[in-house]
Amino acid sequence: MTCDLSQTRLHAYFDGELDAMGAAEFERHLESCPDCETRLAAEEKLRSALAGAQLYARAPENLRKNLLISLPKAAVPPPLKDPKPSAAESWRWLAIAASVILALLLGTQYMEKLNRHLQQQAMAAVIVDAHLRSLQPGHLEDVISTDQHTVKPWFDGKIDFAPPVRDFANDGFPLVGGRLDVLEGRSAAALVYGRRKHIVNVFVTKTQPGDASDRSGELQGYHWVAWQQNGFTFTAVSDTAYADLDQLKQLFLAP
Protein backbone atom coordinates (compact mmCIF):
# COMPACT_ATOMS: atom_id res chain seq x y z
CA MET A 1 0.00 0.00 0.00
CA THR A 2 1.18 3.53 -0.72
CA CYS A 3 1.74 5.74 2.35
CA ASP A 4 -0.67 8.70 2.47
CA LEU A 5 2.12 11.05 3.59
CA SER A 6 4.02 10.32 0.37
CA GLN A 7 1.18 12.11 -1.44
CA THR A 8 0.54 14.96 1.04
CA ARG A 9 3.78 15.80 2.82
CA LEU A 10 6.75 14.36 0.91
CA HIS A 11 6.98 17.00 -1.83
CA ALA A 12 6.50 19.83 0.67
CA TYR A 13 9.37 18.40 2.73
CA PHE A 14 11.53 17.88 -0.37
CA ASP A 15 10.99 21.48 -1.51
CA GLY A 16 11.67 22.93 1.96
CA GLU A 17 8.09 24.20 2.41
CA LEU A 18 7.49 22.67 5.87
CA ASP A 19 8.21 24.57 9.07
CA ALA A 20 10.80 23.23 11.51
CA MET A 21 8.25 21.20 13.51
CA GLY A 22 6.64 19.73 10.41
CA ALA A 23 10.03 18.82 8.90
CA ALA A 24 11.17 17.13 12.12
CA GLU A 25 7.92 15.18 12.32
CA PHE A 26 8.26 13.97 8.73
CA GLU A 27 11.91 12.96 9.30
CA ARG A 28 10.78 10.79 12.23
CA HIS A 29 8.17 9.29 9.91
CA LEU A 30 10.88 8.45 7.34
CA GLU A 31 12.65 6.25 9.90
CA SER A 32 9.73 3.81 9.88
CA CYS A 33 8.34 4.23 6.35
CA PRO A 34 10.34 2.55 3.55
CA ASP A 35 7.83 3.79 0.94
CA CYS A 36 8.41 7.48 1.74
CA GLU A 37 12.14 6.89 2.11
CA THR A 38 12.33 5.23 -1.32
CA ARG A 39 10.25 7.98 -2.99
CA LEU A 40 12.36 10.71 -1.37
CA ALA A 41 15.56 9.04 -2.62
CA ALA A 42 14.08 8.87 -6.14
CA GLU A 43 13.17 12.59 -6.04
CA GLU A 44 16.69 13.50 -4.88
CA LYS A 45 18.24 11.36 -7.60
CA LEU A 46 16.08 13.03 -10.25
CA ARG A 47 16.97 16.52 -9.00
CA SER A 48 20.69 15.63 -9.02
CA ALA A 49 20.42 14.31 -12.58
CA LEU A 50 18.76 17.51 -13.83
CA ALA A 51 21.15 19.75 -11.88
CA GLY A 52 24.15 17.93 -13.34
CA ALA A 53 22.90 18.17 -16.92
CA GLN A 54 24.60 20.81 -19.01
CA LEU A 55 21.57 22.65 -20.32
CA TYR A 56 23.75 25.47 -21.74
CA ALA A 57 25.03 24.62 -25.18
CA ARG A 58 27.88 26.72 -26.60
CA ALA A 59 27.55 27.67 -30.25
CA PRO A 60 30.11 26.00 -32.52
CA GLU A 61 33.21 28.10 -33.16
CA ASN A 62 32.79 27.88 -36.94
CA LEU A 63 29.35 29.56 -36.60
CA ARG A 64 30.99 32.59 -34.96
CA LYS A 65 33.67 32.71 -37.64
CA ASN A 66 31.11 32.52 -40.44
CA LEU A 67 29.11 35.37 -38.92
CA LEU A 68 32.23 37.53 -38.55
CA ILE A 69 33.23 36.83 -42.13
CA SER A 70 29.79 37.77 -43.38
CA LEU A 71 29.79 41.12 -41.56
CA PRO A 72 30.57 44.07 -43.85
CA LYS A 73 33.76 46.01 -43.49
CA ALA A 74 33.62 49.57 -42.19
CA ALA A 75 31.62 51.30 -44.88
CA VAL A 76 32.28 54.80 -46.20
CA PRO A 77 29.26 57.04 -45.54
CA PRO A 78 27.24 57.39 -48.72
CA PRO A 79 27.13 60.80 -50.42
CA LEU A 80 24.47 63.12 -49.04
CA LYS A 81 22.92 63.46 -52.40
CA ASP A 82 22.08 59.74 -52.56
CA PRO A 83 21.20 58.40 -49.07
CA LYS A 84 19.70 55.16 -50.45
CA PRO A 85 21.98 52.07 -50.09
CA SER A 86 23.17 50.33 -53.20
CA ALA A 87 21.58 47.09 -54.35
CA ALA A 88 24.74 45.15 -53.45
CA GLU A 89 24.75 46.54 -49.91
CA SER A 90 21.06 45.73 -49.45
CA TRP A 91 21.64 42.14 -50.47
CA ARG A 92 24.60 41.93 -48.09
CA TRP A 93 22.46 42.98 -45.12
CA LEU A 94 19.71 40.57 -46.17
CA ALA A 95 22.27 37.77 -46.22
CA ILE A 96 23.42 38.70 -42.71
CA ALA A 97 19.85 38.76 -41.42
CA ALA A 98 19.17 35.37 -43.00
CA SER A 99 22.31 33.95 -41.39
CA VAL A 100 21.27 35.20 -37.95
CA ILE A 101 17.74 33.80 -38.33
CA LEU A 102 19.14 30.44 -39.45
CA ALA A 103 21.48 30.34 -36.46
CA LEU A 104 18.58 31.05 -34.10
CA LEU A 105 16.43 28.33 -35.67
CA LEU A 106 19.23 25.76 -35.44
CA GLY A 107 19.87 26.72 -31.83
CA THR A 108 16.19 26.37 -30.93
CA GLN A 109 15.96 22.94 -32.56
CA TYR A 110 19.09 21.81 -30.72
CA MET A 111 17.71 22.93 -27.34
CA GLU A 112 14.35 21.21 -27.99
CA LYS A 113 16.17 17.99 -28.85
CA LEU A 114 18.32 18.31 -25.73
CA ASN A 115 15.27 18.87 -23.53
CA ARG A 116 13.53 15.81 -24.98
CA HIS A 117 16.65 13.75 -24.28
CA LEU A 118 16.84 14.97 -20.68
CA GLN A 119 13.16 14.25 -20.09
CA GLN A 120 13.55 10.74 -21.49
CA GLN A 121 16.61 10.09 -19.31
CA ALA A 122 14.73 11.32 -16.24
CA MET A 123 11.78 9.05 -17.05
CA ALA A 124 14.11 6.08 -17.58
CA ALA A 125 15.62 6.65 -14.12
CA VAL A 126 12.15 6.67 -12.51
CA ILE A 127 11.07 3.49 -14.34
CA VAL A 128 14.23 1.54 -13.56
CA ASP A 129 14.19 2.68 -9.91
CA ALA A 130 10.59 1.45 -9.57
CA HIS A 131 11.53 -1.89 -11.14
CA LEU A 132 14.55 -2.36 -8.86
CA ARG A 133 12.49 -1.40 -5.81
CA SER A 134 9.95 -4.11 -6.67
CA LEU A 135 12.69 -6.78 -6.75
CA GLN A 136 13.45 -6.30 -3.05
CA PRO A 137 12.18 -9.18 -0.88
CA GLY A 138 8.46 -8.89 -0.22
CA HIS A 139 7.84 -5.99 -2.63
CA LEU A 140 7.09 -7.73 -5.93
CA GLU A 141 3.41 -8.65 -5.47
CA ASP A 142 0.57 -7.53 -3.23
CA VAL A 143 -1.64 -10.18 -4.81
CA ILE A 144 -0.08 -13.44 -6.06
CA SER A 145 -2.09 -15.25 -8.72
CA THR A 146 -1.83 -16.52 -12.27
CA ASP A 147 -5.56 -15.92 -12.76
CA GLN A 148 -6.40 -12.58 -14.36
CA HIS A 149 -9.90 -12.82 -12.85
CA THR A 150 -8.30 -12.78 -9.40
CA VAL A 151 -5.74 -10.04 -10.02
CA LYS A 152 -8.03 -7.57 -11.78
CA PRO A 153 -10.72 -7.35 -9.07
CA TRP A 154 -8.04 -7.05 -6.38
CA PHE A 155 -7.41 -3.46 -7.57
CA ASP A 156 -11.07 -2.46 -7.02
CA GLY A 157 -11.27 0.37 -4.49
CA LYS A 158 -7.48 0.68 -4.19
CA ILE A 159 -7.00 2.96 -7.22
CA ASP A 160 -9.45 5.11 -9.18
CA PHE A 161 -9.36 3.04 -12.37
CA ALA A 162 -9.69 -0.59 -13.42
CA PRO A 163 -6.47 -1.71 -15.14
CA PRO A 164 -6.73 -4.19 -18.00
CA VAL A 165 -5.24 -7.48 -16.73
CA ARG A 166 -4.47 -10.31 -19.12
CA ASP A 167 -2.55 -13.56 -18.85
CA PHE A 168 -0.22 -14.45 -21.72
CA ALA A 169 1.09 -17.77 -20.43
CA ASN A 170 0.49 -19.45 -23.80
CA ASP A 171 2.74 -16.83 -25.41
CA GLY A 172 5.56 -17.15 -22.88
CA PHE A 173 4.51 -14.37 -20.49
CA PRO A 174 2.69 -15.97 -17.55
CA LEU A 175 0.94 -13.63 -15.14
CA VAL A 176 2.54 -13.76 -11.68
CA GLY A 177 0.51 -11.19 -9.75
CA GLY A 178 0.07 -7.47 -9.19
CA ARG A 179 0.63 -4.66 -6.71
CA LEU A 180 0.07 -0.95 -6.16
CA ASP A 181 2.93 1.37 -7.07
CA VAL A 182 3.74 5.00 -7.86
CA LEU A 183 5.24 6.11 -11.18
CA GLU A 184 6.19 9.74 -11.86
CA GLY A 185 4.07 10.82 -8.90
CA ARG A 186 0.97 8.98 -10.17
CA SER A 187 -0.80 5.96 -8.72
CA ALA A 188 -0.02 2.93 -10.87
CA ALA A 189 -1.19 -0.64 -11.13
CA ALA A 190 1.88 -2.85 -11.52
CA LEU A 191 1.25 -6.13 -13.35
CA VAL A 192 3.98 -8.72 -12.85
CA TYR A 193 4.83 -11.21 -15.61
CA GLY A 194 7.46 -13.89 -15.98
CA ARG A 195 9.67 -14.29 -19.04
CA ARG A 196 11.85 -17.39 -18.80
CA LYS A 197 13.93 -16.54 -15.68
CA HIS A 198 13.24 -12.81 -15.88
CA ILE A 199 10.67 -10.60 -14.15
CA VAL A 200 8.76 -8.04 -16.24
CA ASN A 201 6.92 -5.16 -14.58
CA VAL A 202 4.12 -3.52 -16.58
CA PHE A 203 3.05 -0.24 -14.99
CA VAL A 204 -0.44 0.95 -15.93
CA THR A 205 -1.49 4.58 -15.35
CA LYS A 206 -4.28 6.77 -16.70
CA THR A 207 -3.07 8.71 -19.73
CA GLN A 208 -2.68 12.43 -19.07
CA PRO A 209 -2.10 15.38 -21.45
CA GLY A 210 1.55 15.57 -22.40
CA ASP A 211 2.16 11.82 -22.18
CA ALA A 212 4.18 10.77 -25.22
CA SER A 213 3.35 7.44 -26.82
CA ASP A 214 5.60 4.73 -28.27
CA ARG A 215 8.71 5.47 -26.25
CA SER A 216 11.53 3.08 -25.43
CA GLY A 217 15.00 3.15 -24.00
CA GLU A 218 17.72 1.44 -21.99
CA LEU A 219 19.42 2.32 -18.71
CA GLN A 220 22.01 0.33 -16.77
CA GLY A 221 21.22 -2.85 -18.69
CA TYR A 222 17.43 -2.57 -18.23
CA HIS A 223 15.16 -2.10 -21.24
CA TRP A 224 11.81 -0.31 -21.15
CA VAL A 225 9.05 0.39 -23.63
CA ALA A 226 5.93 2.56 -23.23
CA TRP A 227 2.72 2.78 -25.27
CA GLN A 228 -0.86 4.00 -24.96
CA GLN A 229 -4.14 2.19 -25.45
CA ASN A 230 -7.77 2.94 -24.52
CA GLY A 231 -6.92 5.83 -22.21
CA PHE A 232 -4.11 4.02 -20.39
CA THR A 233 -0.34 4.42 -20.55
CA PHE A 234 1.59 1.13 -20.28
CA THR A 235 5.28 0.98 -19.37
CA ALA A 236 7.06 -2.40 -19.42
CA VAL A 237 10.55 -2.76 -17.94
CA SER A 238 12.88 -5.71 -17.40
CA ASP A 239 16.44 -6.93 -17.84
CA THR A 240 15.24 -9.24 -20.61
CA ALA A 241 15.84 -8.41 -24.28
CA TYR A 242 14.08 -5.46 -25.87
CA ALA A 243 12.50 -7.85 -28.40
CA ASP A 244 10.71 -9.62 -25.52
CA LEU A 245 9.22 -6.35 -24.28
CA ASP A 246 8.12 -5.44 -27.79
CA GLN A 247 6.44 -8.85 -28.11
CA LEU A 248 4.59 -8.26 -24.82
CA LYS A 249 3.52 -4.83 -26.08
CA GLN A 250 2.04 -6.38 -29.24
CA LEU A 251 0.14 -8.93 -27.10
CA PHE A 252 -1.47 -6.10 -25.14
CA LEU A 253 -2.32 -4.23 -28.33
CA ALA A 254 -3.92 -7.28 -29.94
CA PRO A 255 -7.74 -7.38 -29.69
Foldseek 3Di string as FASTA:
>chain_A
DADPCLQVPLVCLLVVNDPPVSNVVVVVVVVPDVRSVLVNVLVVVLVVLVVPDDLDDDDDPVLVVVLVVLDDDDDDQDDPVDNDDDPVVVVSVVVSVVSVVVVVVVVVVVSVVVVVVSVVVSQVSQVVSQVVVCPPPPRVAPFFDQDQVVQQVVCPPVDPDGDDDDADVVVQWTWGHWDWDAGPNFIWIWTWTDHPPKIKTKTKDFDDPPDDAFDWDDDPQKIKTWHDDDRIIIIIIINDDPVVVVVVVVVVVDD
